[in-house]
Each structure stands twice: as C-alpha cells, then as structure tokens.
C-alpha cells in the first residue's frame, strides 16, 4: 500500500519558510527551508529548546556565539534561552527538521537580537499564555 500524502501548509518567511509536520503536548516538529543567501534572525526562545537535523544543504549555524558548518545527517541541539541562527551560504535550499520541546511552543516565543528584515525585538503576541 502506498502512503497517502496530505497537503501540509507552508508558512512563508523572508528567509524561506516552514511547515508544521506534527505537534502534541510539549512538542512540535517542523520542516524549515532556508533559501540560498538567506538566514533567519539571531534569536532565542524563553520556553522551548530545539533539536535540528539537516536533511539537505550545508547550513552555517550559530549557537551562543559558536559557529559551525553542518552537512546532511548532522544534528545540533539549541538549548532554551540560547542565542541562535541558521544561514544558508550555499546555492541550494537548506532543509532542516526541527523538533521543539518545552512548556510553550507558540510562534510568539521569539526574542530577536539581530534581523536582516527589520524584525528585531520580541515577536508580537498572537495568543496569551495561561
């Protein structure tokens, strides 16, 4: 039997975008795409940690001031509260599977230190945490 593919919405961002593949209590799984020459903001999260697995491309990642270049099948953990970013210096899209885990996983749990697209500061609150 061939698995059925379901349509998964893609959330565009200036650097590429993401799809949420699955989520449940305390976790969320995303597929991130970083386009060539792009990077997302230098950011941290107050309520979650992330684990990234590279599936395509060769991103440069920065975590708490430490830079390293990753290749497909490499993985890295971003601790809660760590300043981090991923950038794509290559010619093909970078694809990362991101597993988030924490007490709150909303898109508004982002504090930006630096952003190429003018989005510095805290992300607007879209829903209140209870």
N, C-alpha and C. Protein backbone atom coordinates (compact mmCIF):
# COMPACT_ATOMS: atom_id res chain seq x y z
N UNK A 1 0.84 -1.17 0.00
CA UNK A 1 0.00 0.00 0.00
C UNK A 1 0.89 1.24 0.00
N UNK A 2 0.60 2.20 -0.86
CA UNK A 2 1.34 3.45 -0.94
C UNK A 2 0.78 4.43 0.08
N UNK A 3 1.66 5.05 0.90
CA UNK A 3 1.16 6.03 1.87
C UNK A 3 0.52 7.21 1.15
N UNK A 4 -0.56 7.71 1.72
CA UNK A 4 -1.23 8.88 1.14
C UNK A 4 -0.55 10.13 1.64
N UNK A 5 -0.30 11.05 0.73
CA UNK A 5 0.29 12.32 1.11
C UNK A 5 -0.83 13.30 1.44
N UNK A 6 -0.67 13.98 2.54
CA UNK A 6 -1.63 15.02 2.86
C UNK A 6 -0.98 16.37 2.57
N UNK A 7 -1.77 17.34 2.25
CA UNK A 7 -1.27 18.67 1.98
C UNK A 7 -0.89 19.34 3.30
N UNK A 8 0.34 19.79 3.40
CA UNK A 8 0.82 20.44 4.61
C UNK A 8 1.06 21.91 4.29
N UNK A 9 0.38 22.82 4.99
CA UNK A 9 0.55 24.24 4.71
C UNK A 9 2.00 24.70 4.93
N UNK A 10 2.44 25.60 4.07
CA UNK A 10 3.78 26.19 4.15
C UNK A 10 3.63 27.63 4.62
N UNK A 11 4.36 28.00 5.66
CA UNK A 11 4.33 29.35 6.22
C UNK A 11 5.53 30.12 5.68
N UNK A 12 5.34 31.02 4.70
CA UNK A 12 6.49 31.74 4.15
C UNK A 12 7.06 32.75 5.13
N UNK A 13 8.35 32.91 5.07
CA UNK A 13 9.10 33.90 5.84
C UNK A 13 10.09 34.56 4.90
N UNK A 14 10.65 35.73 5.25
CA UNK A 14 11.60 36.38 4.34
C UNK A 14 12.81 35.51 3.99
N UNK A 15 13.19 34.62 4.88
CA UNK A 15 14.37 33.77 4.69
C UNK A 15 14.05 32.44 4.00
N UNK A 16 12.78 32.13 3.84
CA UNK A 16 12.35 30.84 3.29
C UNK A 16 10.98 30.51 3.84
N UNK A 17 10.92 29.61 4.82
CA UNK A 17 9.66 29.30 5.47
C UNK A 17 9.68 27.94 6.13
N UNK A 18 8.51 27.54 6.64
CA UNK A 18 8.42 26.26 7.36
C UNK A 18 7.04 25.66 7.22
N UNK A 19 6.99 24.36 7.47
CA UNK A 19 5.74 23.60 7.59
C UNK A 19 5.75 22.90 8.93
N UNK A 20 4.63 22.91 9.62
CA UNK A 20 4.50 22.14 10.85
C UNK A 20 4.02 20.75 10.47
N UNK A 21 4.84 19.75 10.78
CA UNK A 21 4.55 18.37 10.39
C UNK A 21 3.69 17.65 11.42
N UNK A 22 3.93 17.95 12.70
CA UNK A 22 3.19 17.30 13.78
C UNK A 22 3.38 18.10 15.05
N UNK A 23 2.36 18.06 15.92
CA UNK A 23 2.51 18.68 17.23
C UNK A 23 1.63 17.97 18.24
N UNK A 24 2.07 18.05 19.48
CA UNK A 24 1.35 17.43 20.57
C UNK A 24 1.75 18.11 21.86
N UNK A 25 1.30 17.59 23.00
CA UNK A 25 1.62 18.21 24.28
C UNK A 25 3.14 18.27 24.50
N UNK A 26 3.69 19.47 24.55
CA UNK A 26 5.10 19.64 24.86
C UNK A 26 6.07 19.47 23.70
N UNK A 27 5.56 19.21 22.47
CA UNK A 27 6.48 19.07 21.34
C UNK A 27 5.84 19.55 20.04
N UNK A 28 6.69 19.93 19.09
CA UNK A 28 6.26 20.31 17.74
C UNK A 28 7.38 19.93 16.78
N UNK A 29 7.03 19.41 15.60
CA UNK A 29 8.01 19.03 14.58
C UNK A 29 7.77 19.88 13.34
N UNK A 30 8.83 20.55 12.88
CA UNK A 30 8.72 21.43 11.71
C UNK A 30 9.74 21.02 10.65
N UNK A 31 9.44 21.39 9.42
CA UNK A 31 10.38 21.29 8.30
C UNK A 31 10.70 22.72 7.90
N UNK A 32 11.96 23.15 8.12
CA UNK A 32 12.41 24.50 7.80
C UNK A 32 13.12 24.49 6.46
N UNK A 33 12.90 25.51 5.65
CA UNK A 33 13.62 25.69 4.39
C UNK A 33 14.26 27.07 4.43
N UNK A 34 15.60 27.12 4.32
CA UNK A 34 16.33 28.38 4.27
C UNK A 34 16.88 28.52 2.85
N UNK A 35 16.42 29.55 2.16
CA UNK A 35 16.81 29.75 0.76
C UNK A 35 18.27 30.18 0.65
N UNK A 36 18.91 29.93 -0.50
CA UNK A 36 20.31 30.33 -0.69
C UNK A 36 20.52 31.82 -0.41
N UNK A 37 21.58 32.13 0.33
CA UNK A 37 21.91 33.51 0.65
C UNK A 37 21.08 34.13 1.76
N UNK A 38 20.21 33.35 2.40
CA UNK A 38 19.33 33.88 3.44
C UNK A 38 19.69 33.30 4.80
N UNK A 39 19.17 33.94 5.83
CA UNK A 39 19.34 33.45 7.21
C UNK A 39 18.18 33.97 8.04
N UNK A 40 17.89 33.24 9.12
CA UNK A 40 16.87 33.80 10.00
C UNK A 40 17.52 34.59 11.11
N UNK A 41 16.69 35.29 11.87
CA UNK A 41 17.20 36.24 12.86
C UNK A 41 18.03 35.56 13.93
N UNK A 42 18.95 36.34 14.52
CA UNK A 42 19.65 35.89 15.71
C UNK A 42 18.62 36.02 16.83
N UNK A 43 18.22 34.89 17.39
CA UNK A 43 17.06 34.85 18.27
C UNK A 43 17.25 33.87 19.42
N UNK A 44 16.35 33.98 20.40
CA UNK A 44 16.29 32.99 21.48
C UNK A 44 14.84 32.77 21.83
N UNK A 45 14.59 31.69 22.56
CA UNK A 45 13.24 31.33 22.98
C UNK A 45 13.24 31.17 24.49
N UNK A 46 12.21 31.70 25.13
CA UNK A 46 12.12 31.64 26.60
C UNK A 46 11.56 30.31 27.11
N UNK A 47 10.76 29.65 26.27
CA UNK A 47 10.00 28.49 26.77
C UNK A 47 10.31 27.17 26.07
N UNK A 48 11.23 27.17 25.10
CA UNK A 48 11.47 25.92 24.38
C UNK A 48 12.93 25.76 24.00
N UNK A 49 13.31 24.50 23.83
CA UNK A 49 14.60 24.11 23.24
C UNK A 49 14.27 23.52 21.87
N UNK A 50 15.30 23.42 21.02
CA UNK A 50 15.10 22.88 19.68
C UNK A 50 16.22 21.90 19.35
N UNK A 51 15.89 20.90 18.56
CA UNK A 51 16.90 19.97 18.03
C UNK A 51 16.75 20.00 16.52
N UNK A 52 17.86 20.28 15.82
CA UNK A 52 17.84 20.39 14.36
C UNK A 52 18.57 19.22 13.74
N UNK A 53 18.00 18.65 12.70
CA UNK A 53 18.65 17.62 11.88
C UNK A 53 18.66 18.15 10.44
N UNK A 54 19.84 18.25 9.86
CA UNK A 54 19.97 18.74 8.49
C UNK A 54 19.66 17.59 7.53
N UNK A 55 18.75 17.84 6.59
CA UNK A 55 18.43 16.81 5.59
C UNK A 55 18.87 17.20 4.19
N UNK A 56 19.14 18.49 3.95
CA UNK A 56 19.64 18.93 2.64
C UNK A 56 20.41 20.23 2.81
N UNK A 57 21.42 20.41 1.99
CA UNK A 57 22.23 21.62 2.04
C UNK A 57 23.28 21.56 3.14
N UNK A 58 23.95 22.69 3.33
CA UNK A 58 25.04 22.77 4.31
C UNK A 58 24.97 24.11 5.04
N UNK A 59 24.11 24.21 6.06
CA UNK A 59 23.95 25.49 6.75
C UNK A 59 25.12 25.82 7.67
N UNK A 60 25.27 27.11 7.91
CA UNK A 60 26.17 27.59 8.96
C UNK A 60 25.25 27.94 10.12
N UNK A 61 25.51 27.37 11.30
CA UNK A 61 24.68 27.65 12.46
C UNK A 61 25.51 28.35 13.52
N UNK A 62 24.86 29.21 14.26
CA UNK A 62 25.49 29.95 15.35
C UNK A 62 24.65 29.69 16.59
N UNK A 63 25.28 29.17 17.64
CA UNK A 63 24.59 28.90 18.90
C UNK A 63 25.45 29.46 20.02
N UNK A 64 24.92 30.47 20.73
CA UNK A 64 25.64 31.14 21.82
C UNK A 64 27.05 31.55 21.41
N UNK A 65 27.18 32.14 20.23
CA UNK A 65 28.46 32.67 19.77
C UNK A 65 29.38 31.67 19.11
N UNK A 66 29.01 30.40 19.09
CA UNK A 66 29.85 29.37 18.48
C UNK A 66 29.29 28.99 17.11
N UNK A 67 30.09 29.21 16.07
CA UNK A 67 29.66 28.92 14.70
C UNK A 67 30.20 27.58 14.25
N UNK A 68 29.38 26.88 13.48
CA UNK A 68 29.84 25.64 12.85
C UNK A 68 29.05 25.39 11.58
N UNK A 69 29.68 24.68 10.68
CA UNK A 69 29.05 24.32 9.40
C UNK A 69 28.55 22.89 9.51
N UNK A 70 27.31 22.66 9.12
CA UNK A 70 26.72 21.33 9.19
C UNK A 70 26.49 20.79 7.78
N UNK A 71 26.33 19.48 7.70
CA UNK A 71 26.04 18.82 6.42
C UNK A 71 24.87 17.86 6.65
N UNK A 72 24.30 17.32 5.58
CA UNK A 72 23.17 16.40 5.76
C UNK A 72 23.49 15.27 6.76
N UNK A 73 22.52 14.97 7.60
CA UNK A 73 22.55 13.99 8.68
C UNK A 73 23.21 14.50 9.95
N UNK A 74 23.82 15.69 9.92
CA UNK A 74 24.34 16.29 11.16
C UNK A 74 23.16 16.81 11.97
N UNK A 75 23.35 16.85 13.29
CA UNK A 75 22.31 17.40 14.15
C UNK A 75 22.95 18.26 15.24
N UNK A 76 22.15 19.14 15.79
CA UNK A 76 22.61 20.05 16.83
C UNK A 76 21.43 20.38 17.73
N UNK A 77 21.71 20.60 19.01
CA UNK A 77 20.68 20.99 19.97
C UNK A 77 20.84 22.47 20.30
N UNK A 78 19.72 23.18 20.31
CA UNK A 78 19.68 24.59 20.70
C UNK A 78 18.98 24.64 22.06
N UNK A 79 19.74 24.88 23.15
CA UNK A 79 19.12 24.91 24.47
C UNK A 79 18.14 26.09 24.61
N UNK A 80 17.17 25.93 25.50
CA UNK A 80 16.25 27.03 25.80
C UNK A 80 17.07 28.24 26.25
N UNK A 81 16.75 29.42 25.71
CA UNK A 81 17.44 30.65 26.09
C UNK A 81 18.73 30.92 25.34
N UNK A 82 19.17 30.03 24.45
CA UNK A 82 20.42 30.22 23.71
C UNK A 82 20.19 31.11 22.49
N UNK A 83 21.07 32.08 22.28
CA UNK A 83 21.03 32.88 21.06
C UNK A 83 21.46 31.99 19.90
N UNK A 84 20.68 31.99 18.82
CA UNK A 84 20.98 31.09 17.71
C UNK A 84 20.44 31.62 16.38
N UNK A 85 20.99 31.08 15.30
CA UNK A 85 20.51 31.35 13.94
C UNK A 85 21.07 30.30 13.02
N UNK A 86 20.43 30.13 11.88
CA UNK A 86 20.95 29.29 10.80
C UNK A 86 20.96 30.15 9.55
N UNK A 87 22.00 29.96 8.75
CA UNK A 87 22.09 30.69 7.49
C UNK A 87 22.50 29.74 6.38
N UNK A 88 22.17 30.13 5.17
CA UNK A 88 22.47 29.29 4.02
C UNK A 88 23.44 30.02 3.09
N UNK A 89 24.74 29.73 3.21
CA UNK A 89 25.72 30.35 2.32
C UNK A 89 25.84 29.63 0.98
N UNK A 90 25.08 28.55 0.81
CA UNK A 90 25.21 27.71 -0.39
C UNK A 90 24.33 28.15 -1.54
N UNK A 91 24.25 27.27 -2.54
CA UNK A 91 23.49 27.55 -3.77
C UNK A 91 22.19 26.76 -3.87
N UNK A 92 21.96 25.85 -2.93
CA UNK A 92 20.72 25.07 -2.92
C UNK A 92 20.01 25.31 -1.59
N UNK A 93 18.69 25.15 -1.55
CA UNK A 93 17.98 25.35 -0.28
C UNK A 93 18.49 24.40 0.81
N UNK A 94 18.56 24.92 2.02
CA UNK A 94 18.86 24.12 3.21
C UNK A 94 17.52 23.64 3.77
N UNK A 95 17.43 22.36 4.11
CA UNK A 95 16.23 21.81 4.73
C UNK A 95 16.64 21.22 6.08
N UNK A 96 15.95 21.66 7.12
CA UNK A 96 16.22 21.22 8.49
C UNK A 96 14.92 20.70 9.09
N UNK A 97 14.98 19.55 9.73
CA UNK A 97 13.86 19.07 10.54
C UNK A 97 14.12 19.56 11.96
N UNK A 98 13.16 20.30 12.49
CA UNK A 98 13.30 20.90 13.81
C UNK A 98 12.31 20.24 14.76
N UNK A 99 12.81 19.75 15.89
CA UNK A 99 11.94 19.22 16.94
C UNK A 99 12.01 20.19 18.11
N UNK A 100 10.89 20.81 18.41
CA UNK A 100 10.80 21.73 19.55
C UNK A 100 10.24 20.98 20.73
N UNK A 101 10.74 21.31 21.92
CA UNK A 101 10.14 20.75 23.13
C UNK A 101 10.22 21.78 24.23
N UNK A 102 9.10 21.92 24.96
CA UNK A 102 9.05 22.91 26.03
C UNK A 102 7.64 23.13 26.52
N UNK A 103 7.52 24.10 27.41
CA UNK A 103 6.23 24.37 28.05
C UNK A 103 5.29 25.20 27.18
N UNK A 104 5.85 25.94 26.22
CA UNK A 104 5.05 26.77 25.32
C UNK A 104 5.74 26.82 23.98
N UNK A 105 5.01 26.54 22.89
CA UNK A 105 5.62 26.40 21.57
C UNK A 105 5.04 27.37 20.55
N UNK A 106 4.44 28.45 21.00
CA UNK A 106 3.85 29.44 20.09
C UNK A 106 4.89 30.20 19.29
N UNK A 107 4.49 30.67 18.11
CA UNK A 107 5.39 31.44 17.24
C UNK A 107 5.78 32.77 17.86
N UNK A 108 5.08 33.22 18.89
CA UNK A 108 5.43 34.48 19.53
C UNK A 108 6.49 34.32 20.62
N UNK A 109 7.00 33.13 20.84
CA UNK A 109 8.10 32.92 21.79
C UNK A 109 9.44 33.12 21.07
N UNK A 110 9.65 34.35 20.57
CA UNK A 110 10.90 34.69 19.89
C UNK A 110 11.35 36.06 20.38
N UNK A 111 12.59 36.12 20.84
CA UNK A 111 13.24 37.40 21.15
C UNK A 111 14.36 37.55 20.14
N UNK A 112 14.29 38.60 19.32
CA UNK A 112 15.28 38.80 18.26
C UNK A 112 16.32 39.83 18.70
N UNK A 113 17.59 39.49 18.47
CA UNK A 113 18.69 40.41 18.74
C UNK A 113 19.11 41.13 17.45
N UNK A 114 19.11 40.40 16.34
CA UNK A 114 19.51 40.97 15.05
C UNK A 114 18.70 40.29 13.96
N UNK A 115 18.26 41.08 12.98
CA UNK A 115 17.42 40.53 11.92
C UNK A 115 17.66 41.30 10.63
N UNK A 116 17.89 40.59 9.54
CA UNK A 116 18.15 41.21 8.24
C UNK A 116 16.90 41.85 7.64
N UNK A 117 15.74 41.58 8.22
CA UNK A 117 14.47 42.00 7.62
C UNK A 117 13.72 43.01 8.50
N UNK A 118 14.42 43.62 9.47
CA UNK A 118 13.83 44.67 10.30
C UNK A 118 12.87 44.19 11.37
N UNK A 119 12.98 42.93 11.79
CA UNK A 119 12.04 42.38 12.78
C UNK A 119 12.69 42.21 14.14
N UNK A 120 13.53 43.13 14.60
CA UNK A 120 14.19 42.98 15.90
C UNK A 120 13.20 43.16 17.04
N UNK A 121 13.59 42.70 18.23
CA UNK A 121 12.74 42.79 19.41
C UNK A 121 11.98 41.50 19.63
N UNK A 122 10.91 41.61 20.39
CA UNK A 122 10.07 40.46 20.71
C UNK A 122 8.97 40.35 19.67
N UNK A 123 8.69 39.14 19.25
CA UNK A 123 7.61 38.92 18.28
C UNK A 123 6.28 39.35 18.89
N UNK A 124 5.36 39.88 18.08
CA UNK A 124 4.06 40.28 18.62
C UNK A 124 3.33 39.09 19.21
N UNK A 125 2.64 39.33 20.29
CA UNK A 125 1.91 38.26 20.97
C UNK A 125 0.63 37.98 20.20
N UNK A 126 0.50 36.74 19.72
CA UNK A 126 -0.70 36.37 18.97
C UNK A 126 -1.71 35.65 19.85
N UNK A 127 -1.23 35.08 20.94
CA UNK A 127 -2.13 34.44 21.89
C UNK A 127 -1.47 34.48 23.26
N UNK A 128 -2.25 34.64 24.25
CA UNK A 128 -1.73 34.77 25.61
C UNK A 128 -1.49 33.41 26.23
N UNK A 129 -0.43 33.34 26.98
CA UNK A 129 -0.10 32.11 27.71
C UNK A 129 -0.84 32.10 29.03
N UNK A 130 -1.47 31.00 29.35
CA UNK A 130 -2.23 30.92 30.61
C UNK A 130 -1.41 30.24 31.67
